[in-house]
Amino acid sequence: MADVEVLRASVLAALGEVSAGGGVDVVGRVCRACVRLLPVDGAAVSVMADAGNREVVYASDAVSAALAELQFSLGEGPCFEAYVAGGPVLVPDLLAGPPPAWPVFAAEAAAQPVAALFTFPVQIGAVRVATLDTYRATPGSLSAGELSTALQVADIAALAMSGLSAGGGRWLDGDGRWMEGAGMRYREVHQATGMLISHLDLPASAALARLRAYAFGHGRPLLEVAGDIVAGRTKLDEEFR
């Protein structure tokens, strides 16, 4: 408990020293503390604009970043389940059987040194704004005390997210522009989605689904496909008609 309160106090102090949009380091502090306080090997925080769109704010290590990118590319995984359901998603043994809600992600994640996943919604009051995603390399459950700590860390992550606020009560603009200062990883995905919206006259969710399906069907990373579309290397008339 004392360690969690020290983390909360340090986040509050740090927020007083950063300007709006400059709080990525504060979110990173929470992720790194999560790894120290819990029996997990990595943690990431991703802001969620809705149940289909997310942006990684901070990942503590390469595996966390890979898991975050995989979930965004597939449009499924524990982060989406936690966001929609509003409660923790706890998978103490990923190899014991793929969860039916996201079997493709479970199969793809098996290629990473990941045996257990614990994901928590990050909320401001009743409004879900992000998820805290953690993993461990060995199977095992969280104890009652560890689960309590994880929920408190998720609350502190919500506090840290206020350092990224654009003001006016908005967390994320339609194209994510206020996140540019945070090194937005998926900017080209949003741009490519916009191009598909215009080219195919689709709603945003359907355009993103088409983009994900194309990347998965061709066995290519979503970021790579989006970059080719934005750069004009992939012709929409030839590939998406």
Protein backbone atom coordinates (compact mmCIF):
# COMPACT_ATOMS: atom_id res chain seq x y z
CA MET A 1 0.00 0.00 0.00
CA ALA A 2 2.79 2.40 0.91
CA ASP A 3 4.51 1.86 -2.45
CA VAL A 4 1.26 2.57 -4.32
CA GLU A 5 0.73 5.79 -2.37
CA VAL A 6 4.33 6.85 -3.09
CA LEU A 7 3.60 6.30 -6.80
CA ARG A 8 0.39 8.33 -6.58
CA ALA A 9 2.20 11.19 -4.87
CA SER A 10 5.02 11.16 -7.42
CA VAL A 11 2.54 11.26 -10.32
CA LEU A 12 0.70 14.19 -8.76
CA ALA A 13 3.97 16.04 -8.28
CA ALA A 14 5.11 15.30 -11.84
CA LEU A 15 1.81 16.48 -13.32
CA GLY A 16 2.45 19.89 -11.81
CA GLU A 17 5.63 20.14 -13.84
CA VAL A 18 4.37 19.20 -17.33
CA SER A 19 2.27 21.09 -19.84
CA ALA A 20 -0.81 19.68 -21.56
CA GLY A 21 0.19 17.01 -24.07
CA GLY A 22 3.59 16.51 -22.45
CA GLY A 23 2.77 13.87 -19.90
CA VAL A 24 4.06 10.76 -21.67
CA ASP A 25 6.92 10.47 -19.18
CA VAL A 26 4.39 10.46 -16.34
CA VAL A 27 2.47 7.60 -17.96
CA GLY A 28 5.78 5.82 -18.42
CA ARG A 29 6.50 6.22 -14.73
CA VAL A 30 3.27 4.36 -13.95
CA CYS A 31 4.12 1.52 -16.38
CA ARG A 32 7.59 1.07 -14.92
CA ALA A 33 6.20 1.11 -11.39
CA CYS A 34 3.62 -1.49 -12.40
CA VAL A 35 6.43 -3.90 -13.29
CA ARG A 36 8.09 -3.26 -9.93
CA LEU A 37 4.93 -3.62 -7.87
CA LEU A 38 3.41 -6.66 -9.56
CA PRO A 39 4.68 -10.08 -10.71
CA VAL A 40 4.62 -8.99 -14.37
CA ASP A 41 7.40 -8.52 -16.91
CA GLY A 42 6.00 -5.62 -18.89
CA ALA A 43 3.25 -3.02 -19.04
CA ALA A 44 1.74 -0.62 -21.54
CA VAL A 45 -0.93 2.08 -21.50
CA SER A 46 -3.02 2.74 -24.60
CA VAL A 47 -5.56 5.51 -25.01
CA MET A 48 -8.87 4.34 -26.52
CA ALA A 49 -10.94 6.67 -28.68
CA ASP A 50 -13.62 3.98 -28.93
CA ALA A 51 -13.80 0.20 -28.95
CA GLY A 52 -12.05 0.04 -32.34
CA ASN A 53 -9.34 2.68 -32.16
CA ARG A 54 -6.39 2.96 -29.81
CA GLU A 55 -3.00 4.60 -29.59
CA VAL A 56 -0.09 3.35 -27.50
CA VAL A 57 1.05 6.04 -25.08
CA TYR A 58 3.88 4.09 -23.45
CA ALA A 59 5.22 0.52 -23.46
CA SER A 60 7.82 -0.59 -20.93
CA ASP A 61 9.59 -3.07 -23.21
CA ALA A 62 9.69 -4.56 -26.70
CA VAL A 63 7.28 -7.40 -25.89
CA SER A 64 4.67 -5.00 -24.49
CA ALA A 65 5.03 -2.88 -27.64
CA ALA A 66 4.65 -5.97 -29.86
CA LEU A 67 1.52 -7.10 -28.02
CA ALA A 68 0.02 -3.62 -28.29
CA GLU A 69 0.76 -3.45 -32.02
CA LEU A 70 -0.65 -6.94 -32.56
CA GLN A 71 -3.92 -6.02 -30.85
CA PHE A 72 -4.26 -2.84 -32.88
CA SER A 73 -3.46 -4.67 -36.13
CA LEU A 74 -6.04 -7.41 -35.48
CA GLY A 75 -8.66 -5.25 -33.82
CA GLU A 76 -9.04 -7.82 -31.03
CA GLY A 77 -7.40 -8.81 -27.78
CA PRO A 78 -7.72 -8.29 -24.04
CA CYS A 79 -7.46 -4.50 -24.29
CA PHE A 80 -10.63 -4.31 -26.40
CA GLU A 81 -12.44 -6.75 -24.12
CA ALA A 82 -11.46 -4.78 -21.01
CA TYR A 83 -12.49 -1.52 -22.64
CA VAL A 84 -15.92 -2.78 -23.71
CA ALA A 85 -16.69 -4.77 -20.55
CA GLY A 86 -15.30 -2.20 -18.15
CA GLY A 87 -13.56 -4.78 -15.97
CA PRO A 88 -10.24 -6.63 -15.70
CA VAL A 89 -9.37 -9.39 -18.17
CA LEU A 90 -7.21 -11.95 -16.38
CA VAL A 91 -5.60 -14.81 -18.31
CA PRO A 92 -3.20 -16.67 -15.99
CA ASP A 93 -2.23 -19.26 -18.63
CA LEU A 94 -2.48 -18.24 -22.26
CA LEU A 95 -1.59 -21.74 -23.48
CA ALA A 96 -4.35 -23.43 -21.49
CA GLY A 97 -6.77 -22.61 -24.30
CA PRO A 98 -7.31 -19.49 -26.43
CA PRO A 99 -10.06 -17.26 -25.01
CA PRO A 100 -13.00 -17.42 -27.42
CA ALA A 101 -13.34 -13.64 -27.50
CA TRP A 102 -9.97 -13.20 -29.29
CA PRO A 103 -8.62 -16.52 -30.63
CA VAL A 104 -6.55 -14.98 -33.45
CA PHE A 105 -4.70 -12.67 -31.07
CA ALA A 106 -4.11 -15.55 -28.65
CA ALA A 107 -2.60 -17.66 -31.42
CA GLU A 108 -0.38 -14.83 -32.67
CA ALA A 109 0.69 -13.83 -29.16
CA ALA A 110 2.00 -17.36 -28.60
CA ALA A 111 4.98 -16.40 -30.77
CA GLN A 112 6.03 -13.93 -28.05
CA PRO A 113 7.55 -14.89 -24.67
CA VAL A 114 4.14 -14.44 -23.04
CA ALA A 115 2.39 -16.94 -20.78
CA ALA A 116 -0.09 -14.76 -18.87
CA LEU A 117 -1.97 -11.52 -19.58
CA PHE A 118 -3.67 -9.11 -17.18
CA THR A 119 -5.48 -6.10 -18.64
CA PHE A 120 -7.35 -3.35 -16.79
CA PRO A 121 -9.60 -0.53 -17.99
CA VAL A 122 -8.41 2.96 -17.12
CA GLN A 123 -11.37 5.15 -16.17
CA ILE A 124 -12.13 8.72 -15.18
CA GLY A 125 -15.31 8.27 -13.18
CA ALA A 126 -17.59 6.22 -15.41
CA VAL A 127 -15.74 7.14 -18.62
CA ARG A 128 -13.20 4.62 -19.93
CA VAL A 129 -10.29 6.39 -21.63
CA ALA A 130 -7.49 3.81 -21.84
CA THR A 131 -6.27 0.37 -20.84
CA LEU A 132 -3.35 -0.83 -18.75
CA ASP A 133 -1.99 -4.01 -20.38
CA THR A 134 0.48 -6.26 -18.55
CA TYR A 135 2.05 -9.63 -19.28
CA ARG A 136 4.31 -12.18 -17.63
CA ALA A 137 6.61 -14.75 -19.19
CA THR A 138 5.50 -17.55 -16.87
CA PRO A 139 1.94 -18.71 -16.15
CA GLY A 140 0.31 -17.83 -12.88
CA SER A 141 -2.54 -15.88 -11.32
CA LEU A 142 -2.51 -12.63 -9.40
CA SER A 143 -3.22 -12.98 -5.71
CA ALA A 144 -6.06 -10.99 -4.15
CA GLY A 145 -3.53 -8.47 -2.83
CA GLU A 146 -1.78 -8.19 -6.19
CA LEU A 147 -5.11 -7.70 -7.98
CA SER A 148 -5.94 -4.90 -5.53
CA THR A 149 -2.58 -3.28 -6.26
CA ALA A 150 -3.13 -3.59 -10.01
CA LEU A 151 -6.52 -1.87 -9.77
CA GLN A 152 -4.96 0.96 -7.79
CA VAL A 153 -2.20 1.33 -10.38
CA ALA A 154 -4.88 1.52 -13.10
CA ASP A 155 -6.48 4.37 -11.14
CA ILE A 156 -3.11 6.13 -10.98
CA ALA A 157 -2.71 5.58 -14.73
CA ALA A 158 -5.98 7.50 -15.19
CA LEU A 159 -4.50 10.29 -13.12
CA ALA A 160 -1.36 10.28 -15.26
CA MET A 161 -3.47 10.45 -18.42
CA SER A 162 -4.61 13.91 -17.38
CA GLY A 163 -1.11 15.08 -18.32
CA LEU A 164 -1.98 14.26 -21.93
CA SER A 165 -5.27 16.18 -21.96
CA ALA A 166 -5.75 18.60 -24.83
CA GLY A 167 -8.10 20.75 -22.80
CA GLY A 168 -11.78 21.36 -23.32
CA GLY A 169 -12.57 17.95 -21.89
CA ARG A 170 -11.30 16.16 -25.01
CA TRP A 171 -8.97 13.18 -24.74
CA LEU A 172 -8.48 12.50 -28.45
CA ASP A 173 -9.32 14.48 -31.56
CA GLY A 174 -10.84 12.63 -34.49
CA ASP A 175 -7.47 12.17 -36.20
CA GLY A 176 -5.45 12.02 -33.00
CA ARG A 177 -3.56 15.26 -33.70
CA TRP A 178 -3.06 16.17 -30.06
CA MET A 179 -1.10 12.95 -29.62
CA GLU A 180 1.55 13.96 -32.17
CA GLY A 181 3.79 15.28 -29.43
CA ALA A 182 3.73 11.82 -27.89
CA GLY A 183 5.25 10.22 -30.99
CA MET A 184 1.99 8.81 -32.27
CA ARG A 185 2.79 5.36 -33.72
CA TYR A 186 -0.39 4.88 -35.69
CA ARG A 187 -0.69 8.24 -37.43
CA GLU A 188 -0.25 6.64 -40.86
CA VAL A 189 -2.90 4.04 -40.04
CA HIS A 190 -5.37 6.85 -39.32
CA GLN A 191 -4.31 8.61 -42.53
CA ALA A 192 -4.67 5.43 -44.59
CA THR A 193 -8.08 4.79 -43.02
CA GLY A 194 -9.14 8.29 -44.02
CA MET A 195 -8.04 7.62 -47.59
CA LEU A 196 -10.13 4.41 -47.66
CA ILE A 197 -13.12 6.28 -46.23
CA SER A 198 -12.92 8.73 -49.11
CA HIS A 199 -12.08 6.18 -51.79
CA LEU A 200 -14.66 3.53 -50.88
CA ASP A 201 -17.30 5.76 -49.25
CA LEU A 202 -17.20 3.67 -46.07
CA PRO A 203 -17.76 4.57 -42.43
CA ALA A 204 -14.57 4.78 -40.40
CA SER A 205 -15.04 1.45 -38.62
CA ALA A 206 -15.58 -0.41 -41.90
CA ALA A 207 -12.59 1.26 -43.55
CA LEU A 208 -10.32 0.29 -40.66
CA ALA A 209 -11.69 -3.26 -40.79
CA ARG A 210 -10.87 -3.46 -44.52
CA LEU A 211 -7.35 -2.21 -43.83
CA ARG A 212 -6.82 -4.78 -41.08
CA ALA A 213 -8.22 -7.59 -43.24
CA TYR A 214 -5.91 -6.64 -46.11
CA ALA A 215 -2.85 -6.62 -43.84
CA PHE A 216 -3.77 -9.93 -42.21
CA GLY A 217 -4.61 -11.57 -45.54
CA HIS A 218 -1.25 -10.56 -47.00
CA GLY A 219 0.70 -11.50 -43.87
CA ARG A 220 2.05 -7.96 -43.45
CA PRO A 221 2.18 -5.59 -40.47
CA LEU A 222 -0.64 -3.06 -40.43
CA LEU A 223 1.82 -0.18 -40.01
CA GLU A 224 3.71 -1.28 -43.14
CA VAL A 225 0.55 -1.53 -45.24
CA ALA A 226 -0.66 1.87 -44.04
CA GLY A 227 2.72 3.44 -44.85
CA ASP A 228 2.56 2.08 -48.41
CA ILE A 229 -0.95 3.47 -48.89
CA VAL A 230 -0.03 6.92 -47.60
CA ALA A 231 3.13 6.97 -49.73
CA GLY A 232 1.20 5.90 -52.82
CA ARG A 233 3.07 2.59 -53.20
CA THR A 234 -0.20 0.66 -52.84
CA LYS A 235 -2.82 1.71 -55.36
CA LEU A 236 -6.30 1.77 -53.85
CA ASP A 237 -8.01 1.22 -57.23
CA GLU A 238 -6.03 -1.99 -57.74
CA GLU A 239 -6.08 -3.44 -54.20
CA PHE A 240 -9.29 -2.24 -52.54
CA ARG A 241 -11.94 -2.39 -55.23
